[in-house]
Amino acid sequence: MPNWTNNEITITTKSKKDLDIFMKLVKGKDNDFDFDKIEPMPDNIFQGNLGQKEREEHGRNNWYDWSWDNWGTKWNSCQTQATRLDDTKAFFIFDTRKYILWSSRWISFSKNSMALLRRG
């Protein structure tokens, strides 16, 4: 059984419109805070079972290494819950596999989130 970590993040934006856009853009099909919406996994990443043969064939171009390198955790967030606190602030709770390396990842997530807002 994997070890899970519960994570909490508060997002504050400059306007109600920015928060509306942010919450819409990070929401996945079954996930209110979908890492794949913030930092999408490229289509060319090998996403099958990862044994020795597959590692030799694909090297680090696989879902496992990409996820750790880009999300700081093995799997996408799950058991997510988003709560809007006011017009410019939202609170997200989600689980990740084992732990997430937020210190180095948050800067990347912030930059990508701002890019999401600009695109929205």
N, C-alpha and C. Protein backbone atom coordinates (compact mmCIF):
# COMPACT_ATOMS: atom_id res chain seq x y z
N MET A 1 0.84 -1.18 0.00
CA MET A 1 0.00 0.00 0.00
C MET A 1 0.89 1.24 0.00
N PRO A 2 0.63 2.20 -0.91
CA PRO A 2 1.46 3.39 -0.97
C PRO A 2 1.25 4.32 0.22
N ASN A 3 2.26 5.12 0.49
CA ASN A 3 2.15 6.15 1.51
C ASN A 3 1.59 7.41 0.85
N TRP A 4 0.62 8.02 1.47
CA TRP A 4 -0.01 9.22 0.92
C TRP A 4 0.25 10.40 1.82
N THR A 5 0.31 11.58 1.23
CA THR A 5 0.48 12.82 1.96
C THR A 5 -0.68 13.73 1.62
N ASN A 6 -1.25 14.34 2.63
CA ASN A 6 -2.31 15.32 2.43
C ASN A 6 -1.66 16.69 2.26
N ASN A 7 -2.07 17.43 1.23
CA ASN A 7 -1.50 18.74 0.92
C ASN A 7 -2.60 19.79 0.95
N GLU A 8 -2.22 20.99 1.38
CA GLU A 8 -3.15 22.11 1.41
C GLU A 8 -2.47 23.31 0.76
N ILE A 9 -3.20 23.98 -0.14
CA ILE A 9 -2.67 25.15 -0.81
C ILE A 9 -3.75 26.23 -0.84
N THR A 10 -3.36 27.45 -0.54
CA THR A 10 -4.24 28.58 -0.69
C THR A 10 -3.75 29.40 -1.88
N ILE A 11 -4.65 29.70 -2.79
CA ILE A 11 -4.34 30.49 -3.97
C ILE A 11 -5.02 31.84 -3.82
N THR A 12 -4.25 32.91 -3.99
CA THR A 12 -4.78 34.26 -3.94
C THR A 12 -4.48 34.95 -5.26
N THR A 13 -5.50 35.51 -5.86
CA THR A 13 -5.34 36.21 -7.13
C THR A 13 -5.64 37.69 -6.95
N LYS A 14 -5.40 38.48 -7.99
CA LYS A 14 -5.65 39.92 -7.91
C LYS A 14 -7.11 40.29 -8.12
N SER A 15 -7.85 39.39 -8.77
CA SER A 15 -9.25 39.72 -9.06
C SER A 15 -10.12 38.47 -9.04
N LYS A 16 -11.42 38.68 -8.96
CA LYS A 16 -12.38 37.58 -9.02
C LYS A 16 -12.26 36.87 -10.37
N LYS A 17 -12.12 37.65 -11.42
CA LYS A 17 -12.00 37.07 -12.77
C LYS A 17 -10.79 36.14 -12.85
N ASP A 18 -9.64 36.57 -12.30
CA ASP A 18 -8.44 35.72 -12.32
C ASP A 18 -8.66 34.41 -11.57
N LEU A 19 -9.34 34.48 -10.42
CA LEU A 19 -9.60 33.25 -9.67
C LEU A 19 -10.58 32.35 -10.42
N ASP A 20 -11.60 32.94 -11.02
CA ASP A 20 -12.52 32.15 -11.84
C ASP A 20 -11.77 31.40 -12.93
N ILE A 21 -10.88 32.11 -13.61
CA ILE A 21 -10.09 31.50 -14.69
C ILE A 21 -9.19 30.41 -14.13
N PHE A 22 -8.47 30.72 -13.04
CA PHE A 22 -7.55 29.75 -12.45
C PHE A 22 -8.27 28.47 -12.06
N MET A 23 -9.39 28.60 -11.36
CA MET A 23 -10.12 27.40 -10.90
C MET A 23 -10.63 26.57 -12.07
N LYS A 24 -11.02 27.23 -13.13
CA LYS A 24 -11.48 26.51 -14.31
C LYS A 24 -10.32 25.79 -15.01
N LEU A 25 -9.18 26.47 -15.10
CA LEU A 25 -8.05 25.91 -15.83
C LEU A 25 -7.34 24.76 -15.11
N VAL A 26 -7.35 24.75 -13.77
CA VAL A 26 -6.68 23.66 -13.04
C VAL A 26 -7.59 22.47 -12.78
N LYS A 27 -8.86 22.61 -13.11
CA LYS A 27 -9.82 21.53 -12.87
C LYS A 27 -9.76 20.51 -14.00
N GLY A 28 -9.49 19.27 -13.62
CA GLY A 28 -9.49 18.16 -14.57
C GLY A 28 -10.85 17.50 -14.61
N LYS A 29 -10.94 16.44 -15.36
CA LYS A 29 -12.22 15.72 -15.50
C LYS A 29 -12.74 15.23 -14.14
N ASP A 30 -11.87 14.64 -13.35
CA ASP A 30 -12.27 14.11 -12.04
C ASP A 30 -11.41 14.67 -10.92
N ASN A 31 -10.87 15.88 -11.10
CA ASN A 31 -9.87 16.38 -10.18
C ASN A 31 -9.94 17.91 -10.14
N ASP A 32 -10.11 18.48 -8.94
CA ASP A 32 -10.20 19.94 -8.82
C ASP A 32 -8.86 20.66 -8.88
N PHE A 33 -7.75 19.94 -8.72
CA PHE A 33 -6.41 20.54 -8.79
C PHE A 33 -5.51 19.56 -9.53
N ASP A 34 -5.65 19.54 -10.84
CA ASP A 34 -5.02 18.55 -11.70
C ASP A 34 -3.64 19.01 -12.15
N PHE A 35 -2.60 18.32 -11.67
CA PHE A 35 -1.23 18.69 -12.06
C PHE A 35 -1.05 18.69 -13.57
N ASP A 36 -1.75 17.80 -14.25
CA ASP A 36 -1.61 17.70 -15.70
C ASP A 36 -2.19 18.93 -16.41
N LYS A 37 -3.03 19.68 -15.75
CA LYS A 37 -3.54 20.94 -16.32
C LYS A 37 -2.54 22.07 -16.11
N ILE A 38 -1.75 21.99 -15.03
CA ILE A 38 -0.77 23.03 -14.71
C ILE A 38 0.54 22.78 -15.46
N GLU A 39 0.99 21.55 -15.42
CA GLU A 39 2.23 21.13 -16.10
C GLU A 39 1.89 19.86 -16.88
N PRO A 40 1.38 20.00 -18.11
CA PRO A 40 0.92 18.82 -18.86
C PRO A 40 2.04 17.85 -19.20
N MET A 41 1.74 16.58 -19.04
CA MET A 41 2.69 15.53 -19.44
C MET A 41 2.68 15.47 -20.98
N PRO A 42 3.86 15.54 -21.59
CA PRO A 42 3.92 15.49 -23.06
C PRO A 42 3.36 14.18 -23.60
N ASP A 43 2.81 14.24 -24.80
CA ASP A 43 2.23 13.07 -25.45
C ASP A 43 3.27 12.01 -25.77
N ASN A 44 4.53 12.42 -25.95
CA ASN A 44 5.57 11.46 -26.37
C ASN A 44 6.19 10.68 -25.20
N ILE A 45 5.66 10.84 -24.00
CA ILE A 45 6.17 10.13 -22.82
C ILE A 45 5.61 8.71 -22.81
N PHE A 46 6.48 7.72 -22.60
CA PHE A 46 6.03 6.34 -22.47
C PHE A 46 5.19 6.21 -21.22
N GLN A 47 3.96 5.69 -21.34
CA GLN A 47 3.04 5.64 -20.20
C GLN A 47 2.61 4.22 -19.83
N GLY A 48 3.31 3.23 -20.31
CA GLY A 48 2.96 1.85 -19.97
C GLY A 48 3.68 1.36 -18.74
N ASN A 49 3.57 0.04 -18.48
CA ASN A 49 4.29 -0.58 -17.37
C ASN A 49 5.78 -0.35 -17.58
N LEU A 50 6.48 -0.12 -16.49
CA LEU A 50 7.88 0.28 -16.57
C LEU A 50 8.79 -0.77 -15.94
N GLY A 51 9.18 -1.74 -16.76
CA GLY A 51 10.14 -2.74 -16.32
C GLY A 51 11.52 -2.42 -16.88
N GLN A 52 12.45 -3.33 -16.69
CA GLN A 52 13.83 -3.10 -17.15
C GLN A 52 13.88 -2.93 -18.67
N LYS A 53 13.13 -3.74 -19.39
CA LYS A 53 13.12 -3.65 -20.86
C LYS A 53 12.63 -2.27 -21.31
N GLU A 54 11.56 -1.78 -20.70
CA GLU A 54 11.01 -0.48 -21.07
C GLU A 54 11.96 0.65 -20.69
N ARG A 55 12.63 0.51 -19.55
CA ARG A 55 13.62 1.53 -19.15
C ARG A 55 14.76 1.59 -20.15
N GLU A 56 15.21 0.41 -20.61
CA GLU A 56 16.29 0.39 -21.60
C GLU A 56 15.83 1.01 -22.92
N GLU A 57 14.59 0.75 -23.29
CA GLU A 57 14.05 1.25 -24.56
C GLU A 57 13.74 2.75 -24.53
N HIS A 58 13.19 3.25 -23.41
CA HIS A 58 12.72 4.63 -23.35
C HIS A 58 13.59 5.54 -22.49
N GLY A 59 14.51 5.00 -21.73
CA GLY A 59 15.34 5.82 -20.84
C GLY A 59 14.47 6.58 -19.85
N ARG A 60 14.78 7.85 -19.67
CA ARG A 60 14.01 8.69 -18.73
C ARG A 60 12.76 9.28 -19.38
N ASN A 61 12.53 8.97 -20.63
CA ASN A 61 11.35 9.46 -21.34
C ASN A 61 10.13 8.58 -21.01
N ASN A 62 9.80 8.52 -19.73
CA ASN A 62 8.70 7.69 -19.26
C ASN A 62 7.90 8.46 -18.20
N TRP A 63 6.68 7.99 -17.96
CA TRP A 63 5.78 8.69 -17.04
C TRP A 63 6.34 8.84 -15.63
N TYR A 64 7.04 7.82 -15.14
CA TYR A 64 7.53 7.83 -13.76
C TYR A 64 8.59 8.92 -13.56
N ASP A 65 9.63 8.90 -14.40
CA ASP A 65 10.69 9.90 -14.25
C ASP A 65 10.18 11.31 -14.56
N TRP A 66 9.33 11.42 -15.59
CA TRP A 66 8.78 12.73 -15.93
C TRP A 66 7.96 13.29 -14.78
N SER A 67 7.13 12.46 -14.16
CA SER A 67 6.29 12.92 -13.05
C SER A 67 7.14 13.43 -11.89
N TRP A 68 8.16 12.67 -11.51
CA TRP A 68 9.04 13.11 -10.42
C TRP A 68 9.78 14.39 -10.80
N ASP A 69 10.26 14.47 -12.02
CA ASP A 69 11.03 15.64 -12.45
C ASP A 69 10.17 16.90 -12.56
N ASN A 70 8.92 16.75 -12.93
CA ASN A 70 8.08 17.91 -13.22
C ASN A 70 7.00 18.20 -12.18
N TRP A 71 6.50 17.17 -11.53
CA TRP A 71 5.47 17.36 -10.50
C TRP A 71 6.01 17.18 -9.09
N GLY A 72 7.19 16.59 -8.96
CA GLY A 72 7.76 16.36 -7.64
C GLY A 72 7.11 15.21 -6.90
N THR A 73 6.37 14.38 -7.59
CA THR A 73 5.70 13.24 -6.99
C THR A 73 5.42 12.21 -8.08
N LYS A 74 5.11 11.01 -7.67
CA LYS A 74 4.93 9.90 -8.62
C LYS A 74 3.66 10.02 -9.46
N TRP A 75 2.56 10.36 -8.82
CA TRP A 75 1.27 10.40 -9.50
C TRP A 75 0.64 11.78 -9.37
N ASN A 76 -0.35 12.01 -10.19
CA ASN A 76 -1.13 13.24 -10.12
C ASN A 76 -1.83 13.33 -8.76
N SER A 77 -2.31 14.51 -8.45
CA SER A 77 -3.07 14.67 -7.21
C SER A 77 -4.37 13.88 -7.29
N CYS A 78 -4.90 13.54 -6.13
CA CYS A 78 -6.17 12.82 -6.07
C CYS A 78 -6.90 13.23 -4.80
N GLN A 79 -8.14 12.78 -4.67
CA GLN A 79 -8.96 13.14 -3.50
C GLN A 79 -8.97 14.65 -3.33
N THR A 80 -9.10 15.38 -4.43
CA THR A 80 -9.01 16.83 -4.37
C THR A 80 -10.32 17.46 -3.95
N GLN A 81 -10.18 18.60 -3.31
CA GLN A 81 -11.34 19.38 -2.91
C GLN A 81 -10.97 20.85 -3.01
N ALA A 82 -11.78 21.61 -3.70
CA ALA A 82 -11.55 23.05 -3.84
C ALA A 82 -12.66 23.79 -3.10
N THR A 83 -12.24 24.78 -2.31
CA THR A 83 -13.20 25.62 -1.59
C THR A 83 -12.87 27.08 -1.89
N ARG A 84 -13.84 27.77 -2.39
CA ARG A 84 -13.64 29.20 -2.65
C ARG A 84 -13.88 29.94 -1.34
N LEU A 85 -12.85 30.67 -0.87
CA LEU A 85 -12.94 31.37 0.41
C LEU A 85 -13.57 32.75 0.27
N ASP A 86 -13.26 33.42 -0.83
CA ASP A 86 -13.87 34.71 -1.16
C ASP A 86 -13.64 34.97 -2.65
N ASP A 87 -13.82 36.19 -3.08
CA ASP A 87 -13.72 36.49 -4.52
C ASP A 87 -12.34 36.25 -5.10
N THR A 88 -11.29 36.36 -4.28
CA THR A 88 -9.93 36.25 -4.81
C THR A 88 -9.10 35.16 -4.16
N LYS A 89 -9.72 34.32 -3.35
CA LYS A 89 -8.95 33.32 -2.62
C LYS A 89 -9.66 31.97 -2.64
N ALA A 90 -8.88 30.91 -2.92
CA ALA A 90 -9.41 29.55 -2.90
C ALA A 90 -8.46 28.65 -2.13
N PHE A 91 -9.03 27.62 -1.53
CA PHE A 91 -8.27 26.67 -0.72
C PHE A 91 -8.43 25.29 -1.35
N PHE A 92 -7.32 24.63 -1.61
CA PHE A 92 -7.32 23.31 -2.22
C PHE A 92 -6.72 22.30 -1.26
N ILE A 93 -7.36 21.16 -1.14
CA ILE A 93 -6.83 20.02 -0.37
C ILE A 93 -6.74 18.86 -1.35
N PHE A 94 -5.61 18.16 -1.32
CA PHE A 94 -5.45 17.01 -2.21
C PHE A 94 -4.40 16.07 -1.64
N ASP A 95 -4.46 14.84 -2.08
CA ASP A 95 -3.46 13.84 -1.68
C ASP A 95 -2.47 13.64 -2.81
N THR A 96 -1.24 13.31 -2.43
CA THR A 96 -0.22 12.92 -3.39
C THR A 96 0.46 11.66 -2.88
N ARG A 97 1.11 10.96 -3.77
CA ARG A 97 1.85 9.75 -3.44
C ARG A 97 3.08 10.12 -2.65
N LYS A 98 3.15 9.66 -1.44
CA LYS A 98 4.28 9.78 -0.53
C LYS A 98 4.52 11.22 -0.09
N TYR A 99 5.03 12.05 -0.95
CA TYR A 99 5.27 13.46 -0.64
C TYR A 99 5.47 14.19 -1.94
N ILE A 100 5.41 15.48 -1.84
CA ILE A 100 5.63 16.29 -3.03
C ILE A 100 6.75 17.27 -2.71
N LEU A 101 7.61 17.46 -3.64
CA LEU A 101 8.76 18.34 -3.46
C LEU A 101 8.35 19.77 -3.82
N TRP A 102 7.57 20.39 -2.95
CA TRP A 102 7.00 21.69 -3.28
C TRP A 102 8.03 22.79 -3.37
N SER A 103 9.06 22.78 -2.58
CA SER A 103 9.97 23.92 -2.55
C SER A 103 10.48 24.27 -3.93
N SER A 104 10.94 23.30 -4.69
CA SER A 104 11.45 23.59 -6.02
C SER A 104 10.35 23.58 -7.07
N ARG A 105 9.29 22.85 -6.84
CA ARG A 105 8.22 22.73 -7.83
C ARG A 105 7.27 23.91 -7.81
N TRP A 106 7.06 24.52 -6.64
CA TRP A 106 6.07 25.56 -6.56
C TRP A 106 6.40 26.74 -7.48
N ILE A 107 7.67 27.06 -7.62
CA ILE A 107 8.06 28.14 -8.52
C ILE A 107 7.62 27.82 -9.94
N SER A 108 7.86 26.61 -10.37
CA SER A 108 7.44 26.19 -11.70
C SER A 108 5.93 26.20 -11.82
N PHE A 109 5.23 25.68 -10.81
CA PHE A 109 3.77 25.67 -10.84
C PHE A 109 3.24 27.10 -10.88
N SER A 110 3.85 28.01 -10.12
CA SER A 110 3.40 29.40 -10.11
C SER A 110 3.55 30.03 -11.48
N LYS A 111 4.70 29.82 -12.10
CA LYS A 111 4.93 30.38 -13.43
C LYS A 111 3.93 29.80 -14.43
N ASN A 112 3.70 28.51 -14.37
CA ASN A 112 2.75 27.88 -15.28
C ASN A 112 1.33 28.34 -15.00
N SER A 113 1.00 28.54 -13.73
CA SER A 113 -0.33 29.00 -13.37
C SER A 113 -0.57 30.41 -13.93
N MET A 114 0.44 31.26 -13.82
CA MET A 114 0.31 32.60 -14.37
C MET A 114 0.17 32.55 -15.89
N ALA A 115 0.88 31.64 -16.51
CA ALA A 115 0.73 31.46 -17.96
C ALA A 115 -0.68 30.99 -18.28
N LEU A 116 -1.25 30.14 -17.44
CA LEU A 116 -2.63 29.70 -17.63
C LEU A 116 -3.58 30.89 -17.56
N LEU A 117 -3.36 31.76 -16.59
CA LEU A 117 -4.23 32.94 -16.46
C LEU A 117 -4.13 33.83 -17.69
N ARG A 118 -2.90 34.01 -18.19
CA ARG A 118 -2.73 34.86 -19.37
C ARG A 118 -3.40 34.24 -20.59
N ARG A 119 -3.38 32.91 -20.69
CA ARG A 119 -4.02 32.22 -21.82
C ARG A 119 -5.54 32.29 -21.71
N GLY A 120 -6.04 32.23 -20.46
CA GLY A 120 -7.48 32.19 -20.23
C GLY A 120 -8.12 33.47 -20.66
